[in-house]
């Protein structure tokens, strides 16, 4: 049985959900995502994104706007909009150098802003001394090349991000480049072996899938997401027989 799903809520186009009726009288079913289809209209930042830093007792905030695309020059200008900090891109190291005129502490940052700055693996708070510029260890991410589909019924995957541990239920592993404004079409059957799930029939009556980035955070997708799923009846399974060949 082939099932097609489409996201309809413009506030969360990255998520699709479906209530389905399984036509077979069986205790278990086997299914997998065969393909996804959307346009790569992914916001790299929204009005909710920010970076907060403190100089003395004063807290400053760098705010972002909605944007689908950034150049390094644009990022330098945004990060350096406050006089206390200067961000300079090192073309050889392909990362940012942060210089502070006064002792400055970056206290918090939103997820998407962390991707743009390269601070996504840097523990906060981060104190920068005027005598010692800080070289951001990671490269800024302005194009998504690794995405996942996660669901309640997927395969738990252990992952450690910073000091946090995650076990997201992965149902799709997507290795491709999401080019701004271009179609994003991924066929799991052609790209490799799909993740096949065997589950109790009753648990599949409602299915919800979300498209997330490499740190398992929802992406801000502004185009509808289309997902095709293939389902067929399966023999009874024990606890160890959740993932199938």
Protein backbone atom coordinates (compact mmCIF):
# COMPACT_ATOMS: atom_id res chain seq x y z
CA UNK A 1 0.00 0.00 0.00
CA UNK A 2 1.38 3.41 -0.99
CA UNK A 3 0.47 6.33 1.25
CA UNK A 4 1.05 9.97 0.35
CA UNK A 5 1.25 12.59 3.10
CA UNK A 6 1.35 16.38 2.81
CA UNK A 7 1.98 19.08 5.41
CA UNK A 8 -0.75 21.70 5.47
CA UNK A 9 0.07 23.98 8.40
CA UNK A 10 2.19 26.87 7.09
CA UNK A 11 3.56 27.42 10.61
CA UNK A 12 5.11 23.94 10.63
CA UNK A 13 5.48 22.76 7.05
CA UNK A 14 8.37 20.56 8.25
CA UNK A 15 5.83 18.19 9.88
CA UNK A 16 3.36 15.84 8.21
CA UNK A 17 0.74 13.78 9.99
CA UNK A 18 -1.90 11.30 8.93
CA UNK A 19 -4.61 9.17 10.48
CA UNK A 20 -4.89 5.97 8.50
CA UNK A 21 -6.96 2.82 8.34
CA UNK A 22 -4.94 -0.36 7.87
CA UNK A 23 -6.97 -2.61 5.50
CA UNK A 24 -5.45 -5.90 6.65
CA UNK A 25 -6.38 -7.99 9.69
CA UNK A 26 -2.86 -8.41 11.03
CA UNK A 27 -1.13 -7.62 14.30
CA UNK A 28 1.97 -6.13 12.70
CA UNK A 29 2.82 -4.06 9.65
CA UNK A 30 6.08 -3.19 7.97
CA UNK A 31 6.66 0.25 6.46
CA UNK A 32 9.28 2.74 5.30
CA UNK A 33 9.54 6.19 3.78
CA UNK A 34 10.16 5.81 0.06
CA UNK A 35 10.59 9.49 -0.88
CA UNK A 36 10.20 13.11 0.18
CA UNK A 37 9.52 16.12 -2.01
CA UNK A 38 9.58 19.83 -1.22
CA UNK A 39 11.24 23.10 -2.19
CA UNK A 40 14.29 24.21 -0.20
CA UNK A 41 12.66 27.35 1.14
CA UNK A 42 14.32 26.97 4.53
CA UNK A 43 14.73 29.98 6.80
CA UNK A 44 18.30 30.16 8.10
CA UNK A 45 17.11 32.67 10.67
CA UNK A 46 13.79 34.02 11.93
CA UNK A 47 12.71 36.96 14.10
CA UNK A 48 13.00 34.61 17.10
CA UNK A 49 16.74 34.16 16.66
CA UNK A 50 19.22 36.07 18.80
CA UNK A 51 22.61 36.18 20.48
CA UNK A 52 22.95 37.71 23.96
CA UNK A 53 26.21 38.91 25.46
CA UNK A 54 27.16 40.84 28.56
CA UNK A 55 29.66 43.68 29.05
CA UNK A 56 29.99 44.51 32.74
CA UNK A 57 26.42 44.52 34.05
CA UNK A 58 24.86 45.45 30.69
CA UNK A 59 23.25 42.75 28.56
CA UNK A 60 23.20 43.31 24.79
CA UNK A 61 21.16 41.43 22.19
CA UNK A 62 21.89 40.89 18.53
CA UNK A 63 18.60 40.19 16.77
CA UNK A 64 17.99 38.48 13.45
CA UNK A 65 15.33 38.79 10.78
CA UNK A 66 13.75 36.24 8.46
CA UNK A 67 16.28 35.23 5.83
CA UNK A 68 16.68 32.26 3.49
CA UNK A 69 20.23 33.10 2.46
CA UNK A 70 23.35 34.60 3.96
CA UNK A 71 26.73 35.59 2.60
CA UNK A 72 29.78 35.72 4.85
CA UNK A 73 29.88 39.50 4.38
CA UNK A 74 26.29 39.82 5.60
CA UNK A 75 27.07 37.72 8.66
CA UNK A 76 30.11 39.84 9.52
CA UNK A 77 27.93 42.96 9.41
CA UNK A 78 25.17 41.45 11.56
CA UNK A 79 27.51 40.07 14.22
CA UNK A 80 29.49 43.32 14.38
CA UNK A 81 26.46 45.62 14.69
CA UNK A 82 27.39 46.32 18.32
CA UNK A 83 30.64 48.22 18.92
CA UNK A 84 31.87 45.89 21.68
CA UNK A 85 32.39 42.93 19.34
CA UNK A 86 34.02 42.60 15.94
CA UNK A 87 33.63 39.46 13.84
CA UNK A 88 36.15 38.80 11.09
CA UNK A 89 36.00 35.84 8.73
CA UNK A 90 39.29 34.02 8.22
CA UNK A 91 39.29 32.75 4.63
CA UNK A 92 42.09 30.29 5.32
CA UNK A 93 40.49 28.72 8.39
CA UNK A 94 36.97 29.32 7.02
CA UNK A 95 35.69 30.38 10.41
CA UNK A 96 35.16 33.56 12.45
CA UNK A 97 37.55 35.41 14.75
CA UNK A 98 35.83 37.41 17.51
CA UNK A 99 37.58 40.45 18.93
CA UNK A 100 36.25 42.32 22.00
CA UNK A 101 37.04 45.93 22.89
CA UNK A 102 36.02 45.18 26.50
CA UNK A 103 35.78 41.94 28.41
CA UNK A 104 32.66 40.35 26.96
CA UNK A 105 30.69 37.19 27.76
CA UNK A 106 28.39 35.55 25.23
CA UNK A 107 25.69 34.19 27.53
CA UNK A 108 23.13 32.58 25.22
CA UNK A 109 22.32 32.01 21.57
CA UNK A 110 19.43 30.52 19.62
CA UNK A 111 19.97 27.35 17.61
CA UNK A 112 19.88 28.85 14.13
CA UNK A 113 22.11 31.75 15.20
CA UNK A 114 24.58 29.22 16.59
CA UNK A 115 24.71 27.50 13.20
CA UNK A 116 25.39 30.80 11.44
CA UNK A 117 28.13 31.83 13.89
CA UNK A 118 29.76 28.40 14.10
CA UNK A 119 29.13 28.34 17.86
CA UNK A 120 26.89 25.26 17.68
CA UNK A 121 29.42 23.05 19.52
CA UNK A 122 30.90 25.75 21.77
CA UNK A 123 29.84 25.65 25.46
CA UNK A 124 28.32 28.86 26.81
CA UNK A 125 28.86 31.18 28.60
CA UNK A 126 31.92 32.15 26.55
CA UNK A 127 34.13 34.96 27.83
CA UNK A 128 36.31 36.87 25.37
CA UNK A 129 39.23 38.92 26.67
CA UNK A 130 40.29 42.08 24.76
CA UNK A 131 43.89 40.82 24.76
CA UNK A 132 42.99 37.44 23.26
CA UNK A 133 40.65 37.14 20.24
CA UNK A 134 38.54 33.99 20.13
CA UNK A 135 38.74 31.75 17.08
CA UNK A 136 35.43 29.95 16.60
CA UNK A 137 36.36 26.24 16.34
CA UNK A 138 33.55 25.26 13.96
CA UNK A 139 32.67 26.57 10.52
CA UNK A 140 29.44 28.54 10.02
CA UNK A 141 26.60 26.59 8.40
CA UNK A 142 24.72 28.50 5.72
CA UNK A 143 23.57 25.46 3.70
CA UNK A 144 21.96 22.30 5.07
CA UNK A 145 23.60 19.08 3.86
CA UNK A 146 22.35 16.64 6.51
CA UNK A 147 18.70 16.20 7.44
CA UNK A 148 16.68 13.54 9.24
CA UNK A 149 13.05 12.47 9.30
CA UNK A 150 12.00 11.59 12.83
CA UNK A 151 8.83 10.05 14.21
CA UNK A 152 7.49 8.37 17.33
CA UNK A 153 7.61 5.03 15.52
CA UNK A 154 11.15 5.33 14.12
CA UNK A 155 14.45 3.70 15.05
CA UNK A 156 16.00 5.24 18.20
CA UNK A 157 19.46 6.65 17.40
CA UNK A 158 21.89 7.58 20.16
CA UNK A 159 23.50 10.97 19.70
CA UNK A 160 25.50 13.31 21.95
CA UNK A 161 25.38 17.03 21.10
CA UNK A 162 27.51 19.07 23.46
CA UNK A 163 26.59 17.98 26.99
CA UNK A 164 23.12 16.83 25.91
CA UNK A 165 22.20 13.29 24.93
CA UNK A 166 19.43 12.51 22.43
CA UNK A 167 17.72 9.35 21.25
CA UNK A 168 15.61 10.61 18.34
CA UNK A 169 13.42 8.12 16.50
CA UNK A 170 14.90 8.31 13.02
CA UNK A 171 12.86 7.05 10.08
CA UNK A 172 14.81 8.74 7.29
CA UNK A 173 18.49 9.62 6.85
CA UNK A 174 18.92 12.34 4.21
CA UNK A 175 22.34 13.14 2.76
CA UNK A 176 21.95 15.86 0.16
CA UNK A 177 22.44 19.59 -0.34
CA UNK A 178 19.41 21.79 0.29
CA UNK A 179 20.06 24.59 -2.21
CA UNK A 180 18.05 27.71 -1.42
CA UNK A 181 14.83 27.89 -3.46
CA UNK A 182 15.56 24.72 -5.45
CA UNK A 183 13.56 21.46 -5.34
CA UNK A 184 14.53 19.00 -2.63
CA UNK A 185 13.60 15.53 -3.86
CA UNK A 186 15.05 12.49 -2.10
CA UNK A 187 14.28 8.89 -3.09
CA UNK A 188 15.35 6.59 -0.26
CA UNK A 189 15.07 3.49 -2.45
CA UNK A 190 17.51 4.90 -5.01
CA UNK A 191 19.88 6.61 -2.57
CA UNK A 192 20.40 3.58 -0.38
CA UNK A 193 18.64 1.11 1.85
CA UNK A 194 15.54 2.70 3.46
CA UNK A 195 15.04 2.33 7.20
CA UNK A 196 12.29 -0.27 7.46
CA UNK A 197 10.15 -0.41 10.57
CA UNK A 198 8.02 -3.29 11.84
CA UNK A 199 5.44 -2.14 14.36
CA UNK A 200 2.12 -3.04 15.92
CA UNK A 201 -0.76 -2.23 13.59
CA UNK A 202 -2.59 -0.14 16.18
CA UNK A 203 0.43 2.13 16.67
CA UNK A 204 0.40 3.09 12.99
CA UNK A 205 -3.16 4.41 12.96
CA UNK A 206 -1.66 7.83 13.55
CA UNK A 207 1.68 8.77 12.02
CA UNK A 208 3.58 12.03 12.39
CA UNK A 209 6.94 12.79 10.76
CA UNK A 210 9.15 15.86 11.14
CA UNK A 211 12.09 17.10 9.09
CA UNK A 212 14.99 18.14 11.36
CA UNK A 213 18.60 19.22 10.95
CA UNK A 214 21.80 17.40 11.95
CA UNK A 215 21.30 18.41 15.58
CA UNK A 216 17.73 17.06 15.49
CA UNK A 217 16.20 20.54 15.68
CA UNK A 218 13.16 21.37 13.48
CA UNK A 219 13.97 23.29 10.32
CA UNK A 220 11.93 26.37 9.41
CA UNK A 221 10.53 25.05 6.13
CA UNK A 222 8.19 27.47 4.33
CA UNK A 223 7.04 25.12 1.54
CA UNK A 224 4.73 22.10 1.91
CA UNK A 225 6.48 18.78 2.52
CA UNK A 226 5.29 15.71 0.61
CA UNK A 227 6.14 12.24 1.95
CA UNK A 228 5.47 8.85 0.34
CA UNK A 229 5.32 5.77 2.56
CA UNK A 230 5.03 2.11 1.63
CA UNK A 231 3.19 -0.21 4.03
CA UNK A 232 2.54 -3.96 3.91
CA UNK A 233 1.37 -6.61 6.39
CA UNK A 234 4.02 -8.43 8.41
CA UNK A 235 4.29 -11.56 10.48
CA UNK A 236 4.28 -11.35 14.26
CA UNK A 237 7.46 -9.89 15.73
CA UNK A 238 9.18 -10.10 19.07
CA UNK A 239 10.81 -7.18 20.88
CA UNK A 240 14.12 -7.67 19.03
CA UNK A 241 12.45 -7.64 15.63
CA UNK A 242 11.60 -3.95 15.27
CA UNK A 243 14.03 -3.10 12.52
CA UNK A 244 13.70 -5.32 9.46
CA UNK A 245 15.88 -6.16 6.51
